[in-house]
Every structure is written in structure tokens, then in C-alpha cells.
Amino acid sequence: MARPLLDKTGMVLDFKVLKKRLQYVLDKLDHKHLNKLPYFKKVNPSSERIAEYVYTRLKSSIKNLRSVTVWENDTSSATYHEE
């Protein structure tokens, strides 16, 4: 796997920028009946599919995005990444 490129400050992406972009995606899901959202009318809203949903919506604005992990609780998670 290629190493992410660092900017002049030595960061891949500022967490402020990541938080803003992620919040935009999460606002579409938060306190919503997922089965009624267009995307999840076609697929089961499992943790795996939620991770895929978030990944596909972030990948165009975060060029070094490698994966998205969704946590159900302290010990259970699902990670989505493209090969």
C-alpha cells in the first residue's frame, strides 16, 4: 500500500477538516430511520454497509482515504476499504 503524502506541515489531513467533512455525511444518518433513506432502501443498513456508505461519500473529498470503520460498541466494528 502506498504511503499517504504529507503536506508541508507534516499532516495527511487536518482533523478539523476531517471532522467537518465527516459531520456532513453523518448528519444525513443521525437520528434517521435508515431503512427509509434512498441508499438503504436497496441494501440492509448493517454496520458493513454504513461503513461503505460513509467511505463512498468521503472518498472524493479526502484523497488519501484508505478505510472507514463503524463501531457498534466497544468490541464490535466493521471496516470498509476498496482494494
PDB file of N, CA and C in Angstrom:
ATOM      1  N   MET A   1       0.847  -1.179   0.000  1.00  0.00           N
ATOM      2  CA  MET A   1       0.000   0.000   0.000  1.00  0.00           C
ATOM      3  C   MET A   1       0.894   1.244   0.000  1.00  0.00           C
ATOM      4  N   ALA A   2       0.558   2.211  -0.830  1.00  0.00           N
ATOM      5  CA  ALA A   2       1.327   3.440  -0.921  1.00  0.00           C
ATOM      6  C   ALA A   2       1.170   4.265   0.355  1.00  0.00           C
ATOM      7  N   ARG A   3       2.252   4.916   0.734  1.00  0.00           N
ATOM      8  CA  ARG A   3       2.206   5.777   1.920  1.00  0.00           C
ATOM      9  C   ARG A   3       1.502   7.077   1.556  1.00  0.00           C
ATOM     10  N   PRO A   4       0.660   7.597   2.469  1.00  0.00           N
ATOM     11  CA  PRO A   4      -0.022   8.867   2.187  1.00  0.00           C
ATOM     12  C   PRO A   4       0.972  10.019   2.098  1.00  0.00           C
ATOM     13  N   LEU A   5       0.678  10.961   1.252  1.00  0.00           N
ATOM     14  CA  LEU A   5       1.528  12.135   1.109  1.00  0.00           C
ATOM     15  C   LEU A   5       1.238  13.124   2.228  1.00  0.00           C
ATOM     16  N   LEU A   6       2.292  13.634   2.822  1.00  0.00           N
ATOM     17  CA  LEU A   6       2.147  14.629   3.878  1.00  0.00           C
ATOM     18  C   LEU A   6       2.219  16.023   3.268  1.00  0.00           C
ATOM     19  N   ASP A   7       1.485  16.955   3.855  1.00  0.00           N
ATOM     20  CA  ASP A   7       1.574  18.334   3.395  1.00  0.00           C
ATOM     21  C   ASP A   7       2.782  19.002   4.045  1.00  0.00           C
ATOM     22  N   LYS A   8       2.942  20.300   3.816  1.00  0.00           N
ATOM     23  CA  LYS A   8       4.127  20.998   4.323  1.00  0.00           C
ATOM     24  C   LYS A   8       4.187  21.047   5.848  1.00  0.00           C
ATOM     25  N   THR A   9       3.068  20.821   6.518  1.00  0.00           N
ATOM     26  CA  THR A   9       3.071  20.803   7.983  1.00  0.00           C
ATOM     27  C   THR A   9       3.272  19.397   8.534  1.00  0.00           C
ATOM     28  N   GLY A  10       3.402  18.409   7.634  1.00  0.00           N
ATOM     29  CA  GLY A  10       3.628  17.036   8.062  1.00  0.00           C
ATOM     30  C   GLY A  10       2.354  16.271   8.376  1.00  0.00           C
ATOM     31  N   MET A  11       1.227  16.751   7.872  1.00  0.00           N
ATOM     32  CA  MET A  11      -0.050  16.076   8.117  1.00  0.00           C
ATOM     33  C   MET A  11      -0.622  15.530   6.813  1.00  0.00           C
ATOM     34  N   VAL A  12      -1.393  14.463   6.923  1.00  0.00           N
ATOM     35  CA  VAL A  12      -2.151  13.955   5.785  1.00  0.00           C
ATOM     36  C   VAL A  12      -3.398  14.807   5.606  1.00  0.00           C
ATOM     37  N   LEU A  13      -4.095  15.053   6.716  1.00  0.00           N
ATOM     38  CA  LEU A  13      -5.312  15.854   6.697  1.00  0.00           C
ATOM     39  C   LEU A  13      -5.546  16.402   8.097  1.00  0.00           C
ATOM     40  N   ASP A  14      -5.825  17.669   8.203  1.00  0.00           N
ATOM     41  CA  ASP A  14      -6.117  18.292   9.492  1.00  0.00           C
ATOM     42  C   ASP A  14      -7.409  17.694  10.043  1.00  0.00           C
ATOM     43  N   PHE A  15      -7.412  17.327  11.317  1.00  0.00           N
ATOM     44  CA  PHE A  15      -8.599  16.724  11.923  1.00  0.00           C
ATOM     45  C   PHE A  15      -9.810  17.650  11.865  1.00  0.00           C
ATOM     46  N   LYS A  16      -9.597  18.961  11.877  1.00  0.00           N
ATOM     47  CA  LYS A  16     -10.719  19.903  11.751  1.00  0.00           C
ATOM     48  C   LYS A  16     -11.426  19.715  10.414  1.00  0.00           C
ATOM     49  N   VAL A  17     -10.646  19.550   9.362  1.00  0.00           N
ATOM     50  CA  VAL A  17     -11.195  19.354   8.026  1.00  0.00           C
ATOM     51  C   VAL A  17     -11.910  18.004   7.965  1.00  0.00           C
ATOM     52  N   LEU A  18     -11.266  16.966   8.498  1.00  0.00           N
ATOM     53  CA  LEU A  18     -11.885  15.640   8.514  1.00  0.00           C
ATOM     54  C   LEU A  18     -13.198  15.658   9.280  1.00  0.00           C
ATOM     55  N   LYS A  19     -13.204  16.282  10.443  1.00  0.00           N
ATOM     56  CA  LYS A  19     -14.408  16.335  11.270  1.00  0.00           C
ATOM     57  C   LYS A  19     -15.555  17.032  10.535  1.00  0.00           C
ATOM     58  N   LYS A  20     -15.258  18.118   9.842  1.00  0.00           N
ATOM     59  CA  LYS A  20     -16.285  18.857   9.112  1.00  0.00           C
ATOM     60  C   LYS A  20     -16.865  18.013   7.975  1.00  0.00           C
ATOM     61  N   ARG A  21     -15.997  17.356   7.222  1.00  0.00           N
ATOM     62  CA  ARG A  21     -16.462  16.531   6.103  1.00  0.00           C
ATOM     63  C   ARG A  21     -17.233  15.311   6.596  1.00  0.00           C
ATOM     64  N   LEU A  22     -16.748  14.695   7.666  1.00  0.00           N
ATOM     65  CA  LEU A  22     -17.432  13.539   8.229  1.00  0.00           C
ATOM     66  C   LEU A  22     -18.779  13.937   8.805  1.00  0.00           C
ATOM     67  N   GLN A  23     -18.842  15.072   9.480  1.00  0.00           N
ATOM     68  CA  GLN A  23     -20.103  15.516  10.075  1.00  0.00           C
ATOM     69  C   GLN A  23     -21.163  15.745   9.015  1.00  0.00           C
ATOM     70  N   TYR A  24     -20.751  16.260   7.867  1.00  0.00           N
ATOM     71  CA  TYR A  24     -21.695  16.470   6.762  1.00  0.00           C
ATOM     72  C   TYR A  24     -22.346  15.143   6.363  1.00  0.00           C
ATOM     73  N   VAL A  25     -21.546  14.082   6.278  1.00  0.00           N
ATOM     74  CA  VAL A  25     -22.067  12.757   5.917  1.00  0.00           C
ATOM     75  C   VAL A  25     -22.921  12.194   7.043  1.00  0.00           C
ATOM     76  N   LEU A  26     -22.438  12.300   8.273  1.00  0.00           N
ATOM     77  CA  LEU A  26     -23.159  11.722   9.409  1.00  0.00           C
ATOM     78  C   LEU A  26     -24.491  12.418   9.673  1.00  0.00           C
ATOM     79  N   ASP A  27     -24.573  13.703   9.344  1.00  0.00           N
ATOM     80  CA  ASP A  27     -25.841  14.423   9.526  1.00  0.00           C
ATOM     81  C   ASP A  27     -26.967  13.803   8.700  1.00  0.00           C
ATOM     82  N   LYS A  28     -26.608  13.163   7.600  1.00  0.00           N
ATOM     83  CA  LYS A  28     -27.607  12.501   6.752  1.00  0.00           C
ATOM     84  C   LYS A  28     -28.136  11.222   7.410  1.00  0.00           C
ATOM     85  N   LEU A  29     -27.385  10.674   8.380  1.00  0.00           N
ATOM     86  CA  LEU A  29     -27.742   9.409   9.023  1.00  0.00           C
ATOM     87  C   LEU A  29     -28.255   9.569  10.444  1.00  0.00           C
ATOM     88  N   ASP A  30     -27.781  10.577  11.129  1.00  0.00           N
ATOM     89  CA  ASP A  30     -28.057  10.732  12.553  1.00  0.00           C
ATOM     90  C   ASP A  30     -29.546  10.941  12.835  1.00  0.00           C
ATOM     91  N   HIS A  31     -30.082  10.151  13.733  1.00  0.00           N
ATOM     92  CA  HIS A  31     -31.486  10.206  14.152  1.00  0.00           C
ATOM     93  C   HIS A  31     -32.455  10.027  12.983  1.00  0.00           C
ATOM     94  N   LYS A  32     -32.042   9.203  12.030  1.00  0.00           N
ATOM     95  CA  LYS A  32     -32.888   8.904  10.872  1.00  0.00           C
ATOM     96  C   LYS A  32     -33.247   7.426  10.892  1.00  0.00           C
ATOM     97  N   HIS A  33     -34.384   7.088  10.314  1.00  0.00           N
ATOM     98  CA  HIS A  33     -34.762   5.705  10.108  1.00  0.00           C
ATOM     99  C   HIS A  33     -34.037   5.265   8.843  1.00  0.00           C
ATOM    100  N   LEU A  34     -32.929   4.551   9.013  1.00  0.00           N
ATOM    101  CA  LEU A  34     -32.048   4.252   7.885  1.00  0.00           C
ATOM    102  C   LEU A  34     -32.753   3.516   6.752  1.00  0.00           C
ATOM    103  N   ASN A  35     -33.674   2.639   7.078  1.00  0.00           N
ATOM    104  CA  ASN A  35     -34.373   1.889   6.030  1.00  0.00           C
ATOM    105  C   ASN A  35     -35.195   2.785   5.113  1.00  0.00           C
ATOM    106  N   LYS A  36     -35.466   3.991   5.526  1.00  0.00           N
ATOM    107  CA  LYS A  36     -36.255   4.915   4.697  1.00  0.00           C
ATOM    108  C   LYS A  36     -35.381   5.812   3.810  1.00  0.00           C
ATOM    109  N   LEU A  37     -34.069   5.806   4.032  1.00  0.00           N
ATOM    110  CA  LEU A  37     -33.170   6.594   3.188  1.00  0.00           C
ATOM    111  C   LEU A  37     -32.977   5.887   1.855  1.00  0.00           C
ATOM    112  N   PRO A  38     -32.897   6.636   0.763  1.00  0.00           N
ATOM    113  CA  PRO A  38     -32.799   6.022  -0.565  1.00  0.00           C
ATOM    114  C   PRO A  38     -31.709   4.944  -0.679  1.00  0.00           C
ATOM    115  N   TYR A  39     -30.533   5.204  -0.179  1.00  0.00           N
ATOM    116  CA  TYR A  39     -29.432   4.244  -0.286  1.00  0.00           C
ATOM    117  C   TYR A  39     -29.771   2.934   0.415  1.00  0.00           C
ATOM    118  N   PHE A  40     -30.371   3.027   1.594  1.00  0.00           N
ATOM    119  CA  PHE A  40     -30.637   1.840   2.395  1.00  0.00           C
ATOM    120  C   PHE A  40     -31.972   1.173   2.065  1.00  0.00           C
ATOM    121  N   LYS A  41     -32.700   1.733   1.110  1.00  0.00           N
ATOM    122  CA  LYS A  41     -33.876   1.021   0.607  1.00  0.00           C
ATOM    123  C   LYS A  41     -33.429  -0.144  -0.265  1.00  0.00           C
ATOM    124  N   LYS A  42     -32.198  -0.039  -0.782  1.00  0.00           N
ATOM    125  CA  LYS A  42     -31.657  -1.065  -1.677  1.00  0.00           C
ATOM    126  C   LYS A  42     -30.787  -2.086  -0.946  1.00  0.00           C
ATOM    127  N   VAL A  43     -30.197  -1.682   0.185  1.00  0.00           N
ATOM    128  CA  VAL A  43     -29.292  -2.570   0.929  1.00  0.00           C
ATOM    129  C   VAL A  43     -29.623  -2.530   2.417  1.00  0.00           C
ATOM    130  N   ASN A  44     -29.313  -3.598   3.104  1.00  0.00           N
ATOM    131  CA  ASN A  44     -29.515  -3.688   4.537  1.00  0.00           C
ATOM    132  C   ASN A  44     -28.585  -2.707   5.262  1.00  0.00           C
ATOM    133  N   PRO A  45     -29.100  -1.890   6.192  1.00  0.00           N
ATOM    134  CA  PRO A  45     -28.241  -0.919   6.880  1.00  0.00           C
ATOM    135  C   PRO A  45     -27.399  -1.564   7.985  1.00  0.00           C
ATOM    136  N   SER A  46     -26.610  -2.551   7.611  1.00  0.00           N
ATOM    137  CA  SER A  46     -25.688  -3.195   8.540  1.00  0.00           C
ATOM    138  C   SER A  46     -24.496  -2.267   8.785  1.00  0.00           C
ATOM    139  N   SER A  47     -23.713  -2.571   9.772  1.00  0.00           N
ATOM    140  CA  SER A  47     -22.504  -1.772  10.039  1.00  0.00           C
ATOM    141  C   SER A  47     -21.581  -1.769   8.827  1.00  0.00           C
ATOM    142  N   GLU A  48     -21.497  -2.917   8.157  1.00  0.00           N
ATOM    143  CA  GLU A  48     -20.654  -3.008   6.966  1.00  0.00           C
ATOM    144  C   GLU A  48     -21.128  -2.056   5.880  1.00  0.00           C
ATOM    145  N   ARG A  49     -22.432  -1.999   5.671  1.00  0.00           N
ATOM    146  CA  ARG A  49     -22.983  -1.112   4.633  1.00  0.00           C
ATOM    147  C   ARG A  49     -22.915   0.358   5.041  1.00  0.00           C
ATOM    148  N   ILE A  50     -23.050   0.628   6.324  1.00  0.00           N
ATOM    149  CA  ILE A  50     -22.904   2.013   6.794  1.00  0.00           C
ATOM    150  C   ILE A  50     -21.467   2.477   6.579  1.00  0.00           C
ATOM    151  N   ALA A  51     -20.495   1.612   6.863  1.00  0.00           N
ATOM    152  CA  ALA A  51     -19.085   1.953   6.619  1.00  0.00           C
ATOM    153  C   ALA A  51     -18.851   2.217   5.132  1.00  0.00           C
ATOM    154  N   GLU A  52     -19.438   1.385   4.282  1.00  0.00           N
ATOM    155  CA  GLU A  52     -19.324   1.580   2.834  1.00  0.00           C
ATOM    156  C   GLU A  52     -19.959   2.909   2.416  1.00  0.00           C
ATOM    157  N   TYR A  53     -21.136   3.202   2.947  1.00  0.00           N
ATOM    158  CA  TYR A  53     -21.843   4.452   2.649  1.00  0.00           C
ATOM    159  C   TYR A  53     -20.967   5.663   2.997  1.00  0.00           C
ATOM    160  N   VAL A  54     -20.418   5.665   4.197  1.00  0.00           N
ATOM    161  CA  VAL A  54     -19.583   6.783   4.639  1.00  0.00           C
ATOM    162  C   VAL A  54     -18.337   6.877   3.760  1.00  0.00           C
ATOM    163  N   TYR A  55     -17.697   5.759   3.490  1.00  0.00           N
ATOM    164  CA  TYR A  55     -16.493   5.744   2.658  1.00  0.00           C
ATOM    165  C   TYR A  55     -16.767   6.340   1.279  1.00  0.00           C
ATOM    166  N   THR A  56     -17.832   5.885   0.629  1.00  0.00           N
ATOM    167  CA  THR A  56     -18.094   6.353  -0.734  1.00  0.00           C
ATOM    168  C   THR A  56     -18.424   7.840  -0.775  1.00  0.00           C
ATOM    169  N   ARG A  57     -18.977   8.368   0.294  1.00  0.00           N
ATOM    170  CA  ARG A  57     -19.294   9.794   0.323  1.00  0.00           C
ATOM    171  C   ARG A  57     -18.101  10.658   0.699  1.00  0.00           C
ATOM    172  N   LEU A  58     -17.106  10.093   1.336  1.00  0.00           N
ATOM    173  CA  LEU A  58     -15.917  10.856   1.723  1.00  0.00           C
ATOM    174  C   LEU A  58     -14.778  10.758   0.716  1.00  0.00           C
ATOM    175  N   LYS A  59     -14.721   9.673  -0.060  1.00  0.00           N
ATOM    176  CA  LYS A  59     -13.535   9.411  -0.869  1.00  0.00           C
ATOM    177  C   LYS A  59     -13.227  10.500  -1.900  1.00  0.00           C
ATOM    178  N   SER A  60     -14.228  11.182  -2.401  1.00  0.00           N
ATOM    179  CA  SER A  60     -13.945  12.222  -3.402  1.00  0.00           C
ATOM    180  C   SER A  60     -13.357  13.480  -2.773  1.00  0.00           C
ATOM    181  N   SER A  61     -13.621  13.711  -1.497  1.00  0.00           N
ATOM    182  CA  SER A  61     -13.104  14.925  -0.857  1.00  0.00           C
ATOM    183  C   SER A  61     -11.888  14.659   0.038  1.00  0.00           C
ATOM    184  N   ILE A  62     -11.551  13.384   0.239  1.00  0.00           N
ATOM    185  CA  ILE A  62     -10.369  13.040   1.036  1.00  0.00           C
ATOM    186  C   ILE A  62      -9.529  12.083   0.201  1.00  0.00           C
ATOM    187  N   LYS A  63      -8.547  12.637  -0.493  1.00  0.00           N
ATOM    188  CA  LYS A  63      -7.807  11.854  -1.491  1.00  0.00           C
ATOM    189  C   LYS A  63      -7.016  10.696  -0.892  1.00  0.00           C
ATOM    190  N   ASN A  64      -6.598  10.780   0.358  1.00  0.00           N
ATOM    191  CA  ASN A  64      -5.809   9.716   0.970  1.00  0.00           C
ATOM    192  C   ASN A  64      -6.652   8.762   1.827  1.00  0.00           C
ATOM    193  N   LEU A  65      -7.960   8.810   1.670  1.00  0.00           N
ATOM    194  CA  LEU A  65      -8.826   7.937   2.459  1.00  0.00           C
ATOM    195  C   LEU A  65      -8.539   6.483   2.121  1.00  0.00           C
ATOM    196  N   ARG A  66      -8.273   5.684   3.140  1.00  0.00           N
ATOM    197  CA  ARG A  66      -7.958   4.269   2.945  1.00  0.00           C
ATOM    198  C   ARG A  66      -9.086   3.356   3.400  1.00  0.00           C
ATOM    199  N   SER A  67      -9.771   3.739   4.491  1.00  0.00           N
ATOM    200  CA  SER A  67     -10.837   2.893   5.018  1.00  0.00           C
ATOM    201  C   SER A  67     -11.721   3.700   5.959  1.00  0.00           C
ATOM    202  N   VAL A  68     -12.879   3.131   6.252  1.00  0.00           N
ATOM    203  CA  VAL A  68     -13.795   3.690   7.242  1.00  0.00           C
ATOM    204  C   VAL A  68     -14.212   2.546   8.151  1.00  0.00           C
ATOM    205  N   THR A  69     -14.150   2.784   9.453  1.00  0.00           N
ATOM    206  CA  THR A  69     -14.585   1.795  10.431  1.00  0.00           C
ATOM    207  C   THR A  69     -15.777   2.335  11.198  1.00  0.00           C
ATOM    208  N   VAL A  70     -16.806   1.506  11.316  1.00  0.00           N
ATOM    209  CA  VAL A  70     -18.005   1.838  12.080  1.00  0.00           C
ATOM    210  C   VAL A  70     -18.025   0.921  13.294  1.00  0.00           C
ATOM    211  N   TRP A  71     -18.159   1.519  14.459  1.00  0.00           N
ATOM    212  CA  TRP A  71     -18.187   0.761  15.711  1.00  0.00           C
ATOM    213  C   TRP A  71     -19.614   0.617  16.200  1.00  0.00           C
ATOM    214  N   GLU A  72     -20.009  -0.606  16.512  1.00  0.00           N
ATOM    215  CA  GLU A  72     -21.324  -0.876  17.099  1.00  0.00           C
ATOM    216  C   GLU A  72     -21.273  -0.723  18.614  1.00  0.00           C
ATOM    217  N   ASN A  73     -20.148  -1.122  19.187  1.00  0.00           N
ATOM    218  CA  ASN A  73     -19.901  -0.996  20.627  1.00  0.00           C
ATOM    219  C   ASN A  73     -18.400  -1.088  20.838  1.00  0.00           C
ATOM    220  N   ASP A  74     -17.955  -1.241  22.075  1.00  0.00           N
ATOM    221  CA  ASP A  74     -16.515  -1.244  22.375  1.00  0.00           C
ATOM    222  C   ASP A  74     -15.745  -2.394  21.734  1.00  0.00           C
ATOM    223  N   THR A  75     -16.425  -3.455  21.369  1.00  0.00           N
ATOM    224  CA  THR A  75     -15.719  -4.634  20.861  1.00  0.00           C
ATOM    225  C   THR A  75     -16.139  -5.089  19.468  1.00  0.00           C
ATOM    226  N   SER A  76     -17.138  -4.456  18.887  1.00  0.00           N
ATOM    227  CA  SER A  76     -17.629  -4.888  17.574  1.00  0.00           C
ATOM    228  C   SER A  76     -17.577  -3.740  16.571  1.00  0.00           C
ATOM    229  N   SER A  77     -16.931  -4.009  15.438  1.00  0.00           N
ATOM    230  CA  SER A  77     -16.821  -2.985  14.402  1.00  0.00           C
ATOM    231  C   SER A  77     -16.814  -3.631  13.030  1.00  0.00           C
ATOM    232  N   ALA A  78     -17.000  -2.794  12.019  1.00  0.00           N
ATOM    233  CA  ALA A  78     -16.916  -3.225  10.634  1.00  0.00           C
ATOM    234  C   ALA A  78     -16.113  -2.172   9.870  1.00  0.00           C
ATOM    235  N   THR A  79     -15.196  -2.627   9.048  1.00  0.00           N
ATOM    236  CA  THR A  79     -14.346  -1.717   8.280  1.00  0.00           C
ATOM    237  C   THR A  79     -14.583  -1.944   6.801  1.00  0.00           C
ATOM    238  N   TYR A  80     -14.689  -0.841   6.058  1.00  0.00           N
ATOM    239  CA  TYR A  80     -14.824  -0.911   4.617  1.00  0.00           C
ATOM    240  C   TYR A  80     -13.604  -0.264   3.978  1.00  0.00           C
ATOM    241  N   HIS A  81     -13.073  -0.915   2.953  1.00  0.00           N
ATOM    242  CA  HIS A  81     -11.982  -0.342   2.155  1.00  0.00           C
ATOM    243  C   HIS A  81     -12.081  -0.906   0.749  1.00  0.00           C
ATOM    244  N   GLU A  82     -11.582  -0.155  -0.188  1.00  0.00           N
ATOM    245  CA  GLU A  82     -11.529  -0.635  -1.560  1.00  0.00           C
ATOM    246  C   GLU A  82     -10.181  -1.303  -1.768  1.00  0.00           C
ATOM    247  N   GLU A  83     -10.127  -2.268  -2.670  1.00  0.00           N
ATOM    248  CA  GLU A  83      -8.873  -2.996  -2.912  1.00  0.00           C
ATOM    249  C   GLU A  83      -7.999  -2.246  -3.856  1.00  0.00           C
TER     250      GLU A  83
END
